[in-house]
C-alpha cells in the first residue's frame, strides 16, 4: 500500500479516535459522534478522489460522449418519433442522467471491497466507533455527491445541445429522483460487497447487470418501440421509474403529482406514483442489507 494511502488512513483513524464519544463522558452525544465519524470517512474518500481524479473525469466525459454521439446518430429522425421530444438529445438526456447515476451507485461497493482486501476495513471495525454504519453512510454520501456532479454536467450539456432546461422546481425534482435511485442502488452494491468473496466477483456482477438493465428500460427508446414482453420488463425496472419522470420534466413545465408519465401493459404510472416506487425501492434495498451488515459488523 502506498505511503500516501497510509497517511490518509492514519489521519482518519486519528480523527475517529479523538471523537467526542471517547472522552469518557457518560452522556456523550451518539448522534454527534456518528456525524463526526461519517464526515471523517467521507473526507477520506474525497481525498482519494482528489489524488486520483481520473475516475471523476471519466465519469463525466463518458455520459457526455453518449449524449453527443447518440444525439448526433438520431438527429435526422422524424419529429415525433420519440414522443413529444423535440429531438433525440432531449429524449436521451433523462436516460443518460439516470444510467450514469445508476452505474456510479453500482460501483459504490468497490472502495469498501478494496478496504476489505487491504485490511483497512478490519482496522475500522476494531476502532472505537459510535456506530459502524458510519462506514455505509460515508459511502452513500460520497456516491450521492458524485452523482449530482455528473447529473449537473449532463443537464448543462443537454441544454447546449438543445434539450432545454427544466425550471428550478424541475431541477429540484431531478435531484430528488437521482437521490432516491442512488440510495437504493448504493445499498444493493454495499450488500454485494459484504456478501461476495472479492472484488473480481463484484466487478463481474456489475458488468453483467449494467447493460441488461439499460436496454430493459426506457433510457434509449420509448415503451412503444418494444415488444410486449420487453415492455413488461421495462415497467418492472426501477430505472424506468426514474427516467420517465425526468423526461416529463424536460417536456412539461406544468407538471404535477398526477401527471401521467408512463403507459404500458401493467397500467399507467403518474409522476407521484413513480416517486413512490423509487422511495419504496430505496427503502427496501436499505432494509434488506441491514441483517447482513449487522452480521459483518458484529
Protein backbone atom coordinates (compact mmCIF):
# COMPACT_ATOMS: atom_id res chain seq x y z
CA UNK A 1 0.00 0.00 0.00
CA UNK A 2 1.35 3.44 -0.91
CA UNK A 3 2.63 5.89 1.71
CA UNK A 4 0.00 8.41 0.57
CA UNK A 5 -2.80 5.98 1.27
CA UNK A 6 -1.25 5.03 4.60
CA UNK A 7 -1.08 8.68 5.65
CA UNK A 8 -4.76 9.13 4.79
CA UNK A 9 -5.69 6.08 6.85
CA UNK A 10 -3.61 7.26 9.82
CA UNK A 11 -5.21 10.70 9.68
CA UNK A 12 -8.73 9.26 9.51
CA UNK A 13 -8.06 6.84 12.35
CA UNK A 14 -6.77 9.73 14.47
CA UNK A 15 -9.96 11.70 13.81
CA UNK A 16 -12.08 8.68 14.75
CA UNK A 17 -10.18 8.01 17.96
CA UNK A 18 -10.47 11.65 19.02
CA UNK A 19 -14.26 11.69 18.55
CA UNK A 20 -16.28 13.22 21.42
CA UNK A 21 -17.80 9.84 22.25
CA UNK A 22 -14.43 8.65 23.55
CA UNK A 23 -13.93 11.46 26.08
CA UNK A 24 -15.23 9.36 28.95
CA UNK A 25 -18.43 11.32 29.40
CA UNK A 26 -21.39 9.10 30.30
CA UNK A 27 -23.68 11.46 28.39
CA UNK A 28 -21.81 11.55 25.09
CA UNK A 29 -23.90 12.57 22.11
CA UNK A 30 -24.09 9.47 19.93
CA UNK A 31 -25.61 11.41 17.03
CA UNK A 32 -22.74 13.91 17.09
CA UNK A 33 -20.22 11.07 17.22
CA UNK A 34 -21.90 9.33 14.30
CA UNK A 35 -21.83 12.53 12.23
CA UNK A 36 -18.16 13.14 13.02
CA UNK A 37 -17.21 9.57 12.11
CA UNK A 38 -19.20 9.75 8.89
CA UNK A 39 -17.62 13.07 7.90
CA UNK A 40 -14.12 11.72 8.64
CA UNK A 41 -14.68 8.64 6.48
CA UNK A 42 -16.29 10.73 3.73
CA UNK A 43 -13.30 13.08 3.82
CA UNK A 44 -11.02 10.11 3.24
CA UNK A 45 -12.94 9.14 0.09
CA UNK A 46 -12.74 12.68 -1.29
CA UNK A 47 -9.03 12.91 -0.51
CA UNK A 48 -8.54 9.73 -2.54
CA UNK A 49 -10.61 11.27 -5.34
CA UNK A 50 -8.56 14.45 -5.21
CA UNK A 51 -5.33 12.48 -5.56
CA UNK A 52 -6.75 10.33 -8.37
CA UNK A 53 -9.35 12.47 -10.17
CA UNK A 54 -9.36 10.33 -13.30
CA UNK A 55 -12.40 8.36 -12.13
CA UNK A 56 -14.47 11.54 -11.78
CA UNK A 57 -13.22 12.94 -15.09
CA UNK A 58 -14.05 9.68 -16.88
CA UNK A 59 -17.41 9.56 -15.10
CA UNK A 60 -18.26 12.96 -16.58
CA UNK A 61 -16.78 12.51 -20.05
CA UNK A 62 -18.40 9.13 -20.76
CA UNK A 63 -22.06 10.20 -20.37
CA UNK A 64 -21.35 13.41 -22.30
CA UNK A 65 -19.99 11.27 -25.15
CA UNK A 66 -23.16 9.17 -25.01
CA UNK A 67 -25.27 12.30 -25.19
CA UNK A 68 -23.30 13.84 -28.05
CA UNK A 69 -22.79 10.71 -30.17
CA UNK A 70 -26.25 9.17 -29.73
CA UNK A 71 -27.84 12.59 -30.19
CA UNK A 72 -25.96 13.02 -33.48
CA UNK A 73 -26.79 9.46 -34.57
CA UNK A 74 -30.54 10.12 -34.42
CA UNK A 75 -30.58 13.85 -35.16
CA UNK A 76 -32.34 13.27 -38.50
CA UNK A 77 -35.06 11.07 -37.03
CA UNK A 78 -38.58 12.24 -37.93
CA UNK A 79 -40.06 14.66 -35.42
CA UNK A 80 -42.48 12.90 -33.11
CA UNK A 81 -40.77 9.53 -33.47
CA UNK A 82 -39.69 9.75 -29.82
CA UNK A 83 -42.92 11.07 -28.38
CA UNK A 84 -43.18 14.76 -27.56
CA UNK A 85 -39.40 15.26 -27.57
CA UNK A 86 -38.16 17.94 -29.96
CA UNK A 87 -35.00 15.95 -30.70
CA UNK A 88 -33.31 12.75 -29.62
CA UNK A 89 -30.89 14.61 -27.34
CA UNK A 90 -33.88 15.83 -25.33
CA UNK A 91 -35.29 12.30 -25.20
CA UNK A 92 -31.94 10.72 -24.34
CA UNK A 93 -30.92 13.23 -21.65
CA UNK A 94 -33.11 11.67 -18.96
CA UNK A 95 -31.79 8.20 -19.73
CA UNK A 96 -28.17 9.32 -19.57
CA UNK A 97 -28.71 11.09 -16.24
CA UNK A 98 -30.33 8.05 -14.67
CA UNK A 99 -28.00 5.44 -16.10
CA UNK A 100 -24.91 7.43 -15.09
CA UNK A 101 -26.21 7.72 -11.52
CA UNK A 102 -27.10 4.01 -11.54
CA UNK A 103 -23.68 2.94 -12.81
CA UNK A 104 -21.89 5.11 -10.25
CA UNK A 105 -24.01 3.79 -7.39
CA UNK A 106 -23.47 0.21 -8.53
CA UNK A 107 -19.73 0.81 -8.14
CA UNK A 108 -20.19 2.18 -4.61
CA UNK A 109 -19.10 -1.06 -3.02
CA UNK A 110 -15.72 -1.23 -4.77
CA UNK A 111 -13.85 1.13 -2.37
CA UNK A 112 -15.23 -0.81 0.60
CA UNK A 113 -14.32 -4.09 -1.05
CA UNK A 114 -10.73 -2.92 -1.59
CA UNK A 115 -10.63 -1.78 2.05
CA UNK A 116 -11.68 -5.32 2.98
CA UNK A 117 -8.96 -6.90 0.89
CA UNK A 118 -6.21 -4.50 2.01
CA UNK A 119 -7.14 -4.82 5.69
CA UNK A 120 -8.18 -1.22 6.34
CA UNK A 121 -11.79 -2.22 6.97
CA UNK A 122 -10.69 -4.57 9.76
CA UNK A 123 -8.84 -1.66 11.37
CA UNK A 124 -12.01 0.40 11.23
CA UNK A 125 -14.11 -2.38 12.72
CA UNK A 126 -11.85 -2.64 15.78
CA UNK A 127 -11.78 1.15 16.22
CA UNK A 128 -13.99 2.63 19.00
CA UNK A 129 -16.71 3.80 16.60
CA UNK A 130 -20.02 5.07 17.92
CA UNK A 131 -21.66 3.22 15.00
CA UNK A 132 -20.08 1.11 12.31
CA UNK A 133 -22.90 2.14 9.99
CA UNK A 134 -20.95 5.38 9.52
CA UNK A 135 -18.91 3.33 7.01
CA UNK A 136 -22.06 2.80 4.94
CA UNK A 137 -23.25 6.39 5.37
CA UNK A 138 -19.90 7.76 4.18
CA UNK A 139 -20.03 5.65 1.02
CA UNK A 140 -23.59 6.80 0.33
CA UNK A 141 -22.73 10.49 0.77
CA UNK A 142 -19.70 10.15 -1.49
CA UNK A 143 -21.67 8.49 -4.30
CA UNK A 144 -24.58 10.94 -4.00
CA UNK A 145 -22.23 13.93 -4.37
CA UNK A 146 -20.52 12.39 -7.40
CA UNK A 147 -23.89 11.59 -8.97
CA UNK A 148 -25.04 15.19 -8.52
CA UNK A 149 -21.85 16.47 -10.17
CA UNK A 150 -22.32 14.12 -13.12
CA UNK A 151 -26.02 14.95 -13.43
CA UNK A 152 -25.25 18.68 -13.44
CA UNK A 153 -22.72 18.20 -16.25
CA UNK A 154 -25.25 16.20 -18.29
CA UNK A 155 -28.02 18.78 -17.74
CA UNK A 156 -25.71 21.60 -18.86
CA UNK A 157 -24.52 19.72 -21.94
CA UNK A 158 -28.09 18.74 -22.77
CA UNK A 159 -29.11 22.40 -22.66
CA UNK A 160 -26.24 23.25 -25.02
CA UNK A 161 -27.37 20.51 -27.43
CA UNK A 162 -30.92 21.85 -27.49
CA UNK A 163 -32.60 19.61 -24.92
CA UNK A 164 -33.82 22.60 -22.92
CA UNK A 165 -33.58 23.20 -19.21
CA UNK A 166 -36.25 22.49 -16.58
CA UNK A 167 -37.13 25.22 -14.09
CA UNK A 168 -35.91 25.39 -10.50
CA UNK A 169 -38.71 23.12 -9.30
CA UNK A 170 -37.95 20.66 -12.11
CA UNK A 171 -34.24 20.60 -11.33
CA UNK A 172 -35.05 20.03 -7.65
CA UNK A 173 -37.23 17.05 -8.58
CA UNK A 174 -34.44 15.66 -10.77
CA UNK A 175 -32.10 15.88 -7.78
CA UNK A 176 -34.66 14.06 -5.60
CA UNK A 177 -35.14 11.31 -8.18
CA UNK A 178 -31.39 10.82 -8.55
CA UNK A 179 -31.02 10.75 -4.76
CA UNK A 180 -33.66 8.03 -4.29
CA UNK A 181 -32.22 5.87 -7.06
CA UNK A 182 -28.64 6.26 -5.85
CA UNK A 183 -29.53 5.41 -2.25
CA UNK A 184 -31.27 2.21 -3.30
CA UNK A 185 -28.58 1.03 -5.71
CA UNK A 186 -25.79 2.01 -3.27
CA UNK A 187 -27.48 -0.17 -0.65
CA UNK A 188 -27.51 -3.10 -3.08
CA UNK A 189 -23.87 -2.54 -4.01
CA UNK A 190 -22.76 -2.42 -0.37
CA UNK A 191 -24.78 -5.54 0.34
CA UNK A 192 -23.00 -7.33 -2.50
CA UNK A 193 -19.68 -6.07 -1.15
CA UNK A 194 -20.16 -7.93 2.12
CA UNK A 195 -21.85 -10.95 0.52
CA UNK A 196 -19.30 -11.69 -2.23
CA UNK A 197 -15.81 -13.06 -1.57
CA UNK A 198 -13.77 -10.48 -3.50
CA UNK A 199 -13.61 -7.61 -5.98
CA UNK A 200 -13.41 -9.91 -9.01
CA UNK A 201 -16.87 -11.30 -8.24
CA UNK A 202 -18.25 -7.82 -7.53
CA UNK A 203 -16.92 -6.44 -10.82
CA UNK A 204 -18.42 -9.45 -12.63
CA UNK A 205 -21.85 -8.71 -11.13
CA UNK A 206 -21.52 -5.05 -12.13
CA UNK A 207 -20.63 -5.95 -15.73
CA UNK A 208 -23.46 -8.47 -16.00
CA UNK A 209 -26.01 -6.07 -14.51
CA UNK A 210 -25.20 -2.78 -16.24
CA UNK A 211 -26.17 -3.24 -19.89
CA UNK A 212 -29.20 -5.54 -19.45
CA UNK A 213 -30.83 -3.04 -17.11
CA UNK A 214 -30.01 -0.22 -19.51
CA UNK A 215 -31.58 -1.92 -22.54
CA UNK A 216 -34.50 -3.23 -20.47
CA UNK A 217 -35.51 0.33 -19.57
CA UNK A 218 -36.85 3.35 -21.43
CA UNK A 219 -33.43 5.04 -21.50
CA UNK A 220 -32.76 4.60 -25.22
CA UNK A 221 -36.23 4.05 -26.67
CA UNK A 222 -39.86 4.57 -25.62
CA UNK A 223 -42.06 1.71 -24.50
CA UNK A 224 -43.96 1.80 -27.79
CA UNK A 225 -40.80 0.64 -29.62
CA UNK A 226 -40.55 -2.55 -27.54
CA UNK A 227 -42.24 -5.94 -27.90
CA UNK A 228 -44.84 -6.71 -25.22
CA UNK A 229 -42.55 -8.94 -23.16
CA UNK A 230 -39.86 -6.26 -23.03
CA UNK A 231 -42.44 -3.61 -22.12
CA UNK A 232 -43.38 -5.68 -19.07
CA UNK A 233 -39.74 -5.98 -18.04
CA UNK A 234 -39.18 -2.25 -18.57
CA UNK A 235 -42.14 -1.46 -16.33
CA UNK A 236 -40.66 -3.69 -13.62
CA UNK A 237 -37.27 -1.98 -13.97
CA UNK A 238 -36.75 0.77 -11.34
CA UNK A 239 -34.65 2.72 -13.84
CA UNK A 240 -37.76 3.39 -15.93
CA UNK A 241 -39.45 4.95 -12.88
CA UNK A 242 -36.57 7.40 -12.64
CA UNK A 243 -36.19 8.07 -16.37
CA UNK A 244 -39.80 8.83 -17.27
CA UNK A 245 -40.44 11.50 -14.58
CA UNK A 246 -37.21 13.29 -15.54
CA UNK A 247 -38.16 13.08 -19.22
CA UNK A 248 -41.58 14.53 -18.38
CA UNK A 249 -39.94 17.41 -16.52
CA UNK A 250 -37.99 18.30 -19.66
CA UNK A 251 -41.12 18.30 -21.80
CA UNK A 252 -43.69 19.86 -19.49
CA UNK A 253 -43.24 22.89 -17.29
CA UNK A 254 -46.71 22.42 -15.78
CA UNK A 255 -46.09 19.01 -14.23
CA UNK A 256 -48.00 17.81 -11.17
CA UNK A 257 -48.09 14.72 -8.98
CA UNK A 258 -50.98 13.35 -11.02
CA UNK A 259 -49.26 13.87 -14.39
CA UNK A 260 -49.15 10.64 -16.41
CA UNK A 261 -45.52 9.79 -17.20
CA UNK A 262 -45.70 6.20 -18.45
CA UNK A 263 -48.35 4.00 -20.05
CA UNK A 264 -47.75 0.30 -20.64
CA UNK A 265 -49.09 -3.23 -20.29
CA UNK A 266 -49.01 -3.01 -16.49
CA UNK A 267 -51.12 0.15 -16.42
CA UNK A 268 -50.49 3.85 -16.16
CA UNK A 269 -47.88 5.48 -13.93
CA UNK A 270 -48.26 9.01 -12.61
CA UNK A 271 -45.44 11.29 -11.53
CA UNK A 272 -46.27 10.79 -7.86
CA UNK A 273 -46.56 7.02 -8.22
CA UNK A 274 -43.16 6.85 -9.91
CA UNK A 275 -41.58 8.67 -6.96
CA UNK A 276 -43.34 6.34 -4.53
CA UNK A 277 -41.88 3.37 -6.41
CA UNK A 278 -38.39 4.87 -6.16
CA UNK A 279 -38.87 5.64 -2.47
CA UNK A 280 -40.07 2.07 -1.87
CA UNK A 281 -37.14 0.70 -3.88
CA UNK A 282 -34.61 2.69 -1.83
CA UNK A 283 -36.30 1.74 1.45
CA UNK A 284 -36.47 -1.97 0.64
CA UNK A 285 -32.84 -2.07 -0.51
CA UNK A 286 -31.57 -0.32 2.61
CA UNK A 287 -33.66 -2.54 4.90
CA UNK A 288 -32.58 -5.71 3.09
CA UNK A 289 -28.90 -5.13 3.77
CA UNK A 290 -29.36 -4.37 7.49
CA UNK A 291 -29.17 -8.02 8.71
CA UNK A 292 -26.11 -8.68 6.54
CA UNK A 293 -24.35 -5.55 7.77
CA UNK A 294 -25.12 -6.39 11.39
CA UNK A 295 -23.56 -9.82 10.95
CA UNK A 296 -20.48 -8.43 9.21
CA UNK A 297 -20.07 -5.58 11.69
CA UNK A 298 -20.58 -7.80 14.74
